[in-house]
């Protein structure tokens, strides 16, 4: 019984994350940057030459503004797990 509950809970968490990780931004603009909880989002954004928008205390996702698509690679090299177009990620917040 516990195993079934664990599998159900994990599928509810993993499925949206898998969908988001496959939704790479196509153009510059507002982007949801997902970083590990031990990374500093401001430092990752700075290293990727992106402007931090907020929230500054979110456990994983932070909105950043990028001016060119070349910054996507810089952000990932700086420690971002993945990047998602902000419009595609809007459903997480219910907006």
PDB file of N, CA and C in Angstrom:
ATOM      1  N   UNK A   1       0.827  -1.195   0.000  1.00  0.00           N
ATOM      2  CA  UNK A   1       0.000   0.000   0.000  1.00  0.00           C
ATOM      3  C   UNK A   1       0.872   1.259   0.000  1.00  0.00           C
ATOM      4  N   UNK A   2       1.923   1.270   0.801  1.00  0.00           N
ATOM      5  CA  UNK A   2       2.798   2.442   0.863  1.00  0.00           C
ATOM      6  C   UNK A   2       3.509   2.664  -0.462  1.00  0.00           C
ATOM      7  N   UNK A   3       3.872   1.590  -1.131  1.00  0.00           N
ATOM      8  CA  UNK A   3       4.552   1.709  -2.412  1.00  0.00           C
ATOM      9  C   UNK A   3       3.646   2.353  -3.457  1.00  0.00           C
ATOM     10  N   UNK A   4       2.387   1.981  -3.482  1.00  0.00           N
ATOM     11  CA  UNK A   4       1.444   2.566  -4.432  1.00  0.00           C
ATOM     12  C   UNK A   4       1.249   4.067  -4.178  1.00  0.00           C
ATOM     13  N   UNK A   5       1.195   4.439  -2.924  1.00  0.00           N
ATOM     14  CA  UNK A   5       1.054   5.857  -2.587  1.00  0.00           C
ATOM     15  C   UNK A   5       2.297   6.621  -3.019  1.00  0.00           C
ATOM     16  N   UNK A   6       3.471   6.059  -2.740  1.00  0.00           N
ATOM     17  CA  UNK A   6       4.722   6.710  -3.136  1.00  0.00           C
ATOM     18  C   UNK A   6       4.799   6.874  -4.651  1.00  0.00           C
ATOM     19  N   UNK A   7       4.429   5.858  -5.390  1.00  0.00           N
ATOM     20  CA  UNK A   7       4.463   5.933  -6.854  1.00  0.00           C
ATOM     21  C   UNK A   7       3.483   6.992  -7.353  1.00  0.00           C
ATOM     22  N   UNK A   8       2.324   7.052  -6.754  1.00  0.00           N
ATOM     23  CA  UNK A   8       1.327   8.054  -7.154  1.00  0.00           C
ATOM     24  C   UNK A   8       1.827   9.468  -6.899  1.00  0.00           C
ATOM     25  N   UNK A   9       2.398   9.697  -5.732  1.00  0.00           N
ATOM     26  CA  UNK A   9       2.907  11.026  -5.395  1.00  0.00           C
ATOM     27  C   UNK A   9       4.061  11.402  -6.313  1.00  0.00           C
ATOM     28  N   UNK A  10       4.971  10.482  -6.558  1.00  0.00           N
ATOM     29  CA  UNK A  10       6.103  10.778  -7.443  1.00  0.00           C
ATOM     30  C   UNK A  10       5.640  11.085  -8.861  1.00  0.00           C
ATOM     31  N   UNK A  11       4.625  10.376  -9.337  1.00  0.00           N
ATOM     32  CA  UNK A  11       4.145  10.647 -10.688  1.00  0.00           C
ATOM     33  C   UNK A  11       3.516  12.028 -10.786  1.00  0.00           C
ATOM     34  N   UNK A  12       2.896  12.494  -9.706  1.00  0.00           N
ATOM     35  CA  UNK A  12       2.316  13.837  -9.704  1.00  0.00           C
ATOM     36  C   UNK A  12       3.390  14.917  -9.711  1.00  0.00           C
ATOM     37  N   UNK A  13       4.561  14.599  -9.191  1.00  0.00           N
ATOM     38  CA  UNK A  13       5.656  15.562  -9.158  1.00  0.00           C
ATOM     39  C   UNK A  13       6.518  15.465 -10.408  1.00  0.00           C
ATOM     40  N   UNK A  14       6.832  14.256 -10.823  1.00  0.00           N
ATOM     41  CA  UNK A  14       7.762  14.051 -11.931  1.00  0.00           C
ATOM     42  C   UNK A  14       7.156  14.426 -13.282  1.00  0.00           C
ATOM     43  N   UNK A  15       5.894  14.151 -13.485  1.00  0.00           N
ATOM     44  CA  UNK A  15       5.275  14.413 -14.780  1.00  0.00           C
ATOM     45  C   UNK A  15       5.326  15.888 -15.164  1.00  0.00           C
ATOM     46  N   UNK A  16       4.895  16.803 -14.298  1.00  0.00           N
ATOM     47  CA  UNK A  16       5.015  18.212 -14.690  1.00  0.00           C
ATOM     48  C   UNK A  16       6.458  18.662 -14.886  1.00  0.00           C
ATOM     49  N   UNK A  17       7.368  18.163 -14.050  1.00  0.00           N
ATOM     50  CA  UNK A  17       8.770  18.546 -14.208  1.00  0.00           C
ATOM     51  C   UNK A  17       9.346  18.025 -15.518  1.00  0.00           C
ATOM     52  N   UNK A  18       8.970  16.814 -15.908  1.00  0.00           N
ATOM     53  CA  UNK A  18       9.437  16.260 -17.178  1.00  0.00           C
ATOM     54  C   UNK A  18       8.887  17.074 -18.348  1.00  0.00           C
ATOM     55  N   UNK A  19       7.641  17.474 -18.238  1.00  0.00           N
ATOM     56  CA  UNK A  19       7.048  18.297 -19.290  1.00  0.00           C
ATOM     57  C   UNK A  19       7.780  19.632 -19.399  1.00  0.00           C
ATOM     58  N   UNK A  20       8.039  20.254 -18.269  1.00  0.00           N
ATOM     59  CA  UNK A  20       8.719  21.548 -18.285  1.00  0.00           C
ATOM     60  C   UNK A  20      10.139  21.442 -18.795  1.00  0.00           C
ATOM     61  N   UNK A  21      10.830  20.369 -18.438  1.00  0.00           N
ATOM     62  CA  UNK A  21      12.219  20.244 -18.865  1.00  0.00           C
ATOM     63  C   UNK A  21      12.320  20.053 -20.372  1.00  0.00           C
ATOM     64  N   UNK A  22      11.255  19.572 -20.994  1.00  0.00           N
ATOM     65  CA  UNK A  22      11.247  19.413 -22.442  1.00  0.00           C
ATOM     66  C   UNK A  22      10.708  20.630 -23.172  1.00  0.00           C
ATOM     67  N   UNK A  23      10.362  21.670 -22.448  1.00  0.00           N
ATOM     68  CA  UNK A  23       9.788  22.873 -23.028  1.00  0.00           C
ATOM     69  C   UNK A  23      10.826  23.993 -22.998  1.00  0.00           C
ATOM     70  N   UNK A  24      11.811  23.874 -23.863  1.00  0.00           N
ATOM     71  CA  UNK A  24      12.877  24.880 -23.902  1.00  0.00           C
ATOM     72  C   UNK A  24      12.360  26.161 -24.542  1.00  0.00           C
ATOM     73  N   UNK A  25      12.820  27.305 -24.062  1.00  0.00           N
ATOM     74  CA  UNK A  25      12.380  28.569 -24.658  1.00  0.00           C
ATOM     75  C   UNK A  25      12.872  28.696 -26.094  1.00  0.00           C
ATOM     76  N   UNK A  26      12.045  29.261 -26.949  1.00  0.00           N
ATOM     77  CA  UNK A  26      12.403  29.432 -28.356  1.00  0.00           C
ATOM     78  C   UNK A  26      12.998  30.805 -28.634  1.00  0.00           C
ATOM     79  N   UNK A  27      12.702  31.756 -27.761  1.00  0.00           N
ATOM     80  CA  UNK A  27      13.201  33.113 -27.997  1.00  0.00           C
ATOM     81  C   UNK A  27      13.555  33.788 -26.682  1.00  0.00           C
ATOM     82  N   UNK A  28      14.289  34.864 -26.788  1.00  0.00           N
ATOM     83  CA  UNK A  28      14.679  35.623 -25.604  1.00  0.00           C
ATOM     84  C   UNK A  28      13.454  36.293 -25.003  1.00  0.00           C
ATOM     85  N   UNK A  29      13.573  36.647 -23.745  1.00  0.00           N
ATOM     86  CA  UNK A  29      12.473  37.286 -23.033  1.00  0.00           C
ATOM     87  C   UNK A  29      12.433  36.800 -21.601  1.00  0.00           C
ATOM     88  N   UNK A  30      11.245  36.678 -21.060  1.00  0.00           N
ATOM     89  CA  UNK A  30      11.061  36.217 -19.699  1.00  0.00           C
ATOM     90  C   UNK A  30      11.114  34.697 -19.658  1.00  0.00           C
ATOM     91  N   UNK A  31      11.972  34.154 -18.774  1.00  0.00           N
ATOM     92  CA  UNK A  31      12.229  32.720 -18.714  1.00  0.00           C
ATOM     93  C   UNK A  31      12.191  32.257 -17.263  1.00  0.00           C
ATOM     94  N   UNK A  32      11.593  31.086 -17.044  1.00  0.00           N
ATOM     95  CA  UNK A  32      11.644  30.454 -15.730  1.00  0.00           C
ATOM     96  C   UNK A  32      12.926  29.637 -15.665  1.00  0.00           C
ATOM     97  N   UNK A  33      13.810  29.992 -14.755  1.00  0.00           N
ATOM     98  CA  UNK A  33      15.087  29.299 -14.583  1.00  0.00           C
ATOM     99  C   UNK A  33      14.957  28.397 -13.351  1.00  0.00           C
ATOM    100  N   UNK A  34      15.150  27.101 -13.538  1.00  0.00           N
ATOM    101  CA  UNK A  34      15.063  26.148 -12.438  1.00  0.00           C
ATOM    102  C   UNK A  34      16.471  25.743 -12.042  1.00  0.00           C
ATOM    103  N   UNK A  35      16.801  26.005 -10.783  1.00  0.00           N
ATOM    104  CA  UNK A  35      18.129  25.705 -10.256  1.00  0.00           C
ATOM    105  C   UNK A  35      17.993  24.758  -9.065  1.00  0.00           C
ATOM    106  N   UNK A  36      19.056  24.025  -8.734  1.00  0.00           N
ATOM    107  CA  UNK A  36      18.991  23.177  -7.542  1.00  0.00           C
ATOM    108  C   UNK A  36      18.838  24.036  -6.287  1.00  0.00           C
ATOM    109  N   UNK A  37      18.250  23.490  -5.239  1.00  0.00           N
ATOM    110  CA  UNK A  37      18.017  24.290  -4.035  1.00  0.00           C
ATOM    111  C   UNK A  37      19.296  24.782  -3.363  1.00  0.00           C
ATOM    112  N   UNK A  38      20.423  24.163  -3.618  1.00  0.00           N
ATOM    113  CA  UNK A  38      21.680  24.578  -2.994  1.00  0.00           C
ATOM    114  C   UNK A  38      22.393  25.666  -3.810  1.00  0.00           C
ATOM    115  N   UNK A  39      21.881  25.979  -4.998  1.00  0.00           N
ATOM    116  CA  UNK A  39      22.502  27.016  -5.832  1.00  0.00           C
ATOM    117  C   UNK A  39      21.878  28.373  -5.535  1.00  0.00           C
ATOM    118  N   UNK A  40      22.648  29.410  -5.743  1.00  0.00           N
ATOM    119  CA  UNK A  40      22.169  30.773  -5.569  1.00  0.00           C
ATOM    120  C   UNK A  40      21.638  31.269  -6.918  1.00  0.00           C
ATOM    121  N   UNK A  41      20.318  31.468  -7.037  1.00  0.00           N
ATOM    122  CA  UNK A  41      19.761  31.893  -8.326  1.00  0.00           C
ATOM    123  C   UNK A  41      20.351  33.209  -8.832  1.00  0.00           C
ATOM    124  N   UNK A  42      20.645  34.114  -7.936  1.00  0.00           N
ATOM    125  CA  UNK A  42      21.225  35.396  -8.351  1.00  0.00           C
ATOM    126  C   UNK A  42      22.607  35.195  -8.971  1.00  0.00           C
ATOM    127  N   UNK A  43      23.397  34.295  -8.401  1.00  0.00           N
ATOM    128  CA  UNK A  43      24.733  34.025  -8.939  1.00  0.00           C
ATOM    129  C   UNK A  43      24.647  33.331 -10.298  1.00  0.00           C
ATOM    130  N   UNK A  44      23.707  32.408 -10.442  1.00  0.00           N
ATOM    131  CA  UNK A  44      23.530  31.722 -11.730  1.00  0.00           C
ATOM    132  C   UNK A  44      23.081  32.724 -12.786  1.00  0.00           C
ATOM    133  N   UNK A  45      22.117  33.578 -12.443  1.00  0.00           N
ATOM    134  CA  UNK A  45      21.643  34.590 -13.387  1.00  0.00           C
ATOM    135  C   UNK A  45      22.771  35.538 -13.771  1.00  0.00           C
ATOM    136  N   UNK A  46      23.568  35.949 -12.800  1.00  0.00           N
ATOM    137  CA  UNK A  46      24.682  36.856 -13.064  1.00  0.00           C
ATOM    138  C   UNK A  46      25.709  36.197 -13.991  1.00  0.00           C
ATOM    139  N   UNK A  47      26.025  34.937 -13.733  1.00  0.00           N
ATOM    140  CA  UNK A  47      26.990  34.226 -14.575  1.00  0.00           C
ATOM    141  C   UNK A  47      26.466  34.037 -15.992  1.00  0.00           C
ATOM    142  N   UNK A  48      25.160  33.918 -16.122  1.00  0.00           N
ATOM    143  CA  UNK A  48      24.558  33.772 -17.444  1.00  0.00           C
ATOM    144  C   UNK A  48      24.212  35.088 -18.106  1.00  0.00           C
ATOM    145  N   UNK A  49      24.578  36.191 -17.448  1.00  0.00           N
ATOM    146  CA  UNK A  49      24.321  37.545 -17.942  1.00  0.00           C
ATOM    147  C   UNK A  49      22.824  37.821 -18.132  1.00  0.00           C
ATOM    148  N   UNK A  50      22.026  37.234 -17.247  1.00  0.00           N
ATOM    149  CA  UNK A  50      20.586  37.464 -17.270  1.00  0.00           C
ATOM    150  C   UNK A  50      20.210  38.367 -16.101  1.00  0.00           C
ATOM    151  N   UNK A  51      19.078  39.009 -16.208  1.00  0.00           N
ATOM    152  CA  UNK A  51      18.606  39.895 -15.148  1.00  0.00           C
ATOM    153  C   UNK A  51      17.590  39.142 -14.300  1.00  0.00           C
ATOM    154  N   UNK A  52      17.841  39.062 -13.011  1.00  0.00           N
ATOM    155  CA  UNK A  52      16.964  38.371 -12.079  1.00  0.00           C
ATOM    156  C   UNK A  52      15.698  39.198 -11.881  1.00  0.00           C
ATOM    157  N   UNK A  53      14.541  38.564 -12.068  1.00  0.00           N
ATOM    158  CA  UNK A  53      13.264  39.239 -11.885  1.00  0.00           C
ATOM    159  C   UNK A  53      12.674  38.864 -10.528  1.00  0.00           C
ATOM    160  N   UNK A  54      12.636  37.575 -10.199  1.00  0.00           N
ATOM    161  CA  UNK A  54      12.132  37.128  -8.898  1.00  0.00           C
ATOM    162  C   UNK A  54      11.291  35.884  -9.056  1.00  0.00           C
ATOM    163  N   UNK A  55      10.762  35.305  -8.068  1.00  0.00           N
ATOM    164  CA  UNK A  55      10.990  35.634  -6.659  1.00  0.00           C
ATOM    165  C   UNK A  55      12.392  35.240  -6.230  1.00  0.00           C
ATOM    166  N   UNK A  56      12.923  35.957  -5.284  1.00  0.00           N
ATOM    167  CA  UNK A  56      14.307  35.710  -4.885  1.00  0.00           C
ATOM    168  C   UNK A  56      14.433  34.590  -3.863  1.00  0.00           C
ATOM    169  N   UNK A  57      13.342  34.123  -3.262  1.00  0.00           N
ATOM    170  CA  UNK A  57      13.422  33.080  -2.253  1.00  0.00           C
ATOM    171  C   UNK A  57      12.624  31.835  -2.620  1.00  0.00           C
ATOM    172  N   UNK A  58      12.468  31.557  -3.891  1.00  0.00           N
ATOM    173  CA  UNK A  58      11.771  30.347  -4.321  1.00  0.00           C
ATOM    174  C   UNK A  58      12.720  29.162  -4.218  1.00  0.00           C
ATOM    175  N   UNK A  59      12.213  27.979  -3.854  1.00  0.00           N
ATOM    176  CA  UNK A  59      13.110  26.838  -3.688  1.00  0.00           C
ATOM    177  C   UNK A  59      13.748  26.352  -4.993  1.00  0.00           C
ATOM    178  N   UNK A  60      13.060  26.475  -6.121  1.00  0.00           N
ATOM    179  CA  UNK A  60      13.632  25.996  -7.376  1.00  0.00           C
ATOM    180  C   UNK A  60      13.565  27.029  -8.493  1.00  0.00           C
ATOM    181  N   UNK A  61      12.385  27.532  -8.792  1.00  0.00           N
ATOM    182  CA  UNK A  61      12.183  28.378  -9.961  1.00  0.00           C
ATOM    183  C   UNK A  61      12.336  29.855  -9.682  1.00  0.00           C
ATOM    184  N   UNK A  62      13.000  30.529 -10.605  1.00  0.00           N
ATOM    185  CA  UNK A  62      13.195  31.968 -10.536  1.00  0.00           C
ATOM    186  C   UNK A  62      13.004  32.540 -11.930  1.00  0.00           C
ATOM    187  N   UNK A  63      12.310  33.646 -12.028  1.00  0.00           N
ATOM    188  CA  UNK A  63      12.143  34.294 -13.317  1.00  0.00           C
ATOM    189  C   UNK A  63      13.352  35.173 -13.614  1.00  0.00           C
ATOM    190  N   UNK A  64      13.849  35.047 -14.847  1.00  0.00           N
ATOM    191  CA  UNK A  64      14.951  35.882 -15.307  1.00  0.00           C
ATOM    192  C   UNK A  64      14.589  36.451 -16.677  1.00  0.00           C
ATOM    193  N   UNK A  65      15.207  37.548 -17.004  1.00  0.00           N
ATOM    194  CA  UNK A  65      15.021  38.160 -18.310  1.00  0.00           C
ATOM    195  C   UNK A  65      16.311  37.987 -19.103  1.00  0.00           C
ATOM    196  N   UNK A  66      16.191  37.459 -20.316  1.00  0.00           N
ATOM    197  CA  UNK A  66      17.359  37.268 -21.179  1.00  0.00           C
ATOM    198  C   UNK A  66      17.179  38.102 -22.439  1.00  0.00           C
ATOM    199  N   UNK A  67      18.277  38.630 -22.928  1.00  0.00           N
ATOM    200  CA  UNK A  67      18.239  39.489 -24.108  1.00  0.00           C
ATOM    201  C   UNK A  67      18.508  38.736 -25.404  1.00  0.00           C
ATOM    202  N   UNK A  68      19.201  37.611 -25.312  1.00  0.00           N
ATOM    203  CA  UNK A  68      19.528  36.837 -26.517  1.00  0.00           C
ATOM    204  C   UNK A  68      19.544  35.350 -26.181  1.00  0.00           C
ATOM    205  N   UNK A  69      19.282  34.525 -27.170  1.00  0.00           N
ATOM    206  CA  UNK A  69      19.176  33.085 -26.938  1.00  0.00           C
ATOM    207  C   UNK A  69      20.515  32.454 -26.548  1.00  0.00           C
ATOM    208  N   UNK A  70      21.624  33.096 -26.835  1.00  0.00           N
ATOM    209  CA  UNK A  70      22.931  32.567 -26.436  1.00  0.00           C
ATOM    210  C   UNK A  70      23.065  32.501 -24.918  1.00  0.00           C
ATOM    211  N   UNK A  71      22.271  33.281 -24.211  1.00  0.00           N
ATOM    212  CA  UNK A  71      22.319  33.277 -22.751  1.00  0.00           C
ATOM    213  C   UNK A  71      21.765  31.979 -22.163  1.00  0.00           C
ATOM    214  N   UNK A  72      20.931  31.266 -22.904  1.00  0.00           N
ATOM    215  CA  UNK A  72      20.389  30.000 -22.400  1.00  0.00           C
ATOM    216  C   UNK A  72      21.510  29.019 -22.075  1.00  0.00           C
ATOM    217  N   UNK A  73      22.476  28.897 -22.981  1.00  0.00           N
ATOM    218  CA  UNK A  73      23.610  27.993 -22.760  1.00  0.00           C
ATOM    219  C   UNK A  73      24.456  28.466 -21.588  1.00  0.00           C
ATOM    220  N   UNK A  74      24.632  29.764 -21.462  1.00  0.00           N
ATOM    221  CA  UNK A  74      25.418  30.297 -20.340  1.00  0.00           C
ATOM    222  C   UNK A  74      24.746  30.002 -19.004  1.00  0.00           C
ATOM    223  N   UNK A  75      23.437  30.142 -18.954  1.00  0.00           N
ATOM    224  CA  UNK A  75      22.710  29.865 -17.716  1.00  0.00           C
ATOM    225  C   UNK A  75      22.820  28.392 -17.331  1.00  0.00           C
ATOM    226  N   UNK A  76      22.719  27.520 -18.313  1.00  0.00           N
ATOM    227  CA  UNK A  76      22.838  26.090 -18.011  1.00  0.00           C
ATOM    228  C   UNK A  76      24.258  25.729 -17.597  1.00  0.00           C
ATOM    229  N   UNK A  77      25.245  26.342 -18.198  1.00  0.00           N
ATOM    230  CA  UNK A  77      26.622  26.100 -17.786  1.00  0.00           C
ATOM    231  C   UNK A  77      26.884  26.639 -16.386  1.00  0.00           C
ATOM    232  N   UNK A  78      26.157  27.678 -16.001  1.00  0.00           N
ATOM    233  CA  UNK A  78      26.326  28.280 -14.677  1.00  0.00           C
ATOM    234  C   UNK A  78      25.600  27.499 -13.583  1.00  0.00           C
ATOM    235  N   UNK A  79      24.769  26.520 -13.972  1.00  0.00           N
ATOM    236  CA  UNK A  79      24.128  25.688 -12.957  1.00  0.00           C
ATOM    237  C   UNK A  79      22.633  25.548 -13.047  1.00  0.00           C
ATOM    238  N   UNK A  80      21.980  26.176 -14.021  1.00  0.00           N
ATOM    239  CA  UNK A  80      20.533  26.016 -14.165  1.00  0.00           C
ATOM    240  C   UNK A  80      20.234  24.594 -14.631  1.00  0.00           C
ATOM    241  N   UNK A  81      19.271  23.953 -13.965  1.00  0.00           N
ATOM    242  CA  UNK A  81      18.874  22.606 -14.383  1.00  0.00           C
ATOM    243  C   UNK A  81      18.190  22.655 -15.738  1.00  0.00           C
ATOM    244  N   UNK A  82      17.207  23.532 -15.874  1.00  0.00           N
ATOM    245  CA  UNK A  82      16.572  23.739 -17.162  1.00  0.00           C
ATOM    246  C   UNK A  82      15.878  25.092 -17.190  1.00  0.00           C
ATOM    247  N   UNK A  83      15.534  25.499 -18.414  1.00  0.00           N
ATOM    248  CA  UNK A  83      14.907  26.793 -18.650  1.00  0.00           C
ATOM    249  C   UNK A  83      13.588  26.559 -19.371  1.00  0.00           C
ATOM    250  N   UNK A  84      12.581  27.318 -18.982  1.00  0.00           N
ATOM    251  CA  UNK A  84      11.253  27.172 -19.564  1.00  0.00           C
ATOM    252  C   UNK A  84      10.727  28.553 -19.910  1.00  0.00           C
ATOM    253  N   UNK A  85      10.117  28.659 -21.077  1.00  0.00           N
ATOM    254  CA  UNK A  85       9.467  29.901 -21.443  1.00  0.00           C
ATOM    255  C   UNK A  85       8.432  30.248 -20.379  1.00  0.00           C
ATOM    256  N   UNK A  86       8.422  31.474 -19.922  1.00  0.00           N
ATOM    257  CA  UNK A  86       7.541  31.876 -18.821  1.00  0.00           C
ATOM    258  C   UNK A  86       6.068  31.688 -19.166  1.00  0.00           C
ATOM    259  N   UNK A  87       5.691  31.896 -20.413  1.00  0.00           N
ATOM    260  CA  UNK A  87       4.297  31.689 -20.797  1.00  0.00           C
ATOM    261  C   UNK A  87       3.910  30.219 -20.710  1.00  0.00           C
ATOM    262  N   UNK A  88       4.853  29.325 -21.065  1.00  0.00           N
ATOM    263  CA  UNK A  88       4.568  27.893 -20.989  1.00  0.00           C
ATOM    264  C   UNK A  88       4.474  27.411 -19.548  1.00  0.00           C
ATOM    265  N   UNK A  89       5.160  28.073 -18.637  1.00  0.00           N
ATOM    266  CA  UNK A  89       5.174  27.670 -17.224  1.00  0.00           C
ATOM    267  C   UNK A  89       4.090  28.359 -16.398  1.00  0.00           C
ATOM    268  N   UNK A  90       3.334  29.216 -17.018  1.00  0.00           N
ATOM    269  CA  UNK A  90       2.338  29.985 -16.277  1.00  0.00           C
ATOM    270  C   UNK A  90       1.287  29.114 -15.592  1.00  0.00           C
ATOM    271  N   UNK A  91       0.999  27.950 -16.139  1.00  0.00           N
ATOM    272  CA  UNK A  91      -0.032  27.076 -15.562  1.00  0.00           C
ATOM    273  C   UNK A  91       0.337  26.575 -14.179  1.00  0.00           C
ATOM    274  N   UNK A  92       1.619  26.579 -13.818  1.00  0.00           N
ATOM    275  CA  UNK A  92       2.030  26.120 -12.489  1.00  0.00           C
ATOM    276  C   UNK A  92       1.453  27.032 -11.414  1.00  0.00           C
ATOM    277  N   UNK A  93       1.477  28.312 -11.681  1.00  0.00           N
ATOM    278  CA  UNK A  93       1.005  29.296 -10.704  1.00  0.00           C
ATOM    279  C   UNK A  93      -0.493  29.548 -10.806  1.00  0.00           C
ATOM    280  N   UNK A  94      -1.134  28.932 -11.752  1.00  0.00           N
ATOM    281  CA  UNK A  94      -2.555  29.116 -11.913  1.00  0.00           C
ATOM    282  C   UNK A  94      -2.926  30.421 -12.589  1.00  0.00           C
ATOM    283  N   UNK A  95      -1.973  31.018 -13.290  1.00  0.00           N
ATOM    284  CA  UNK A  95      -2.254  32.298 -13.957  1.00  0.00           C
ATOM    285  C   UNK A  95      -2.744  32.070 -15.368  1.00  0.00           C
TER     286      UNK A  95
END
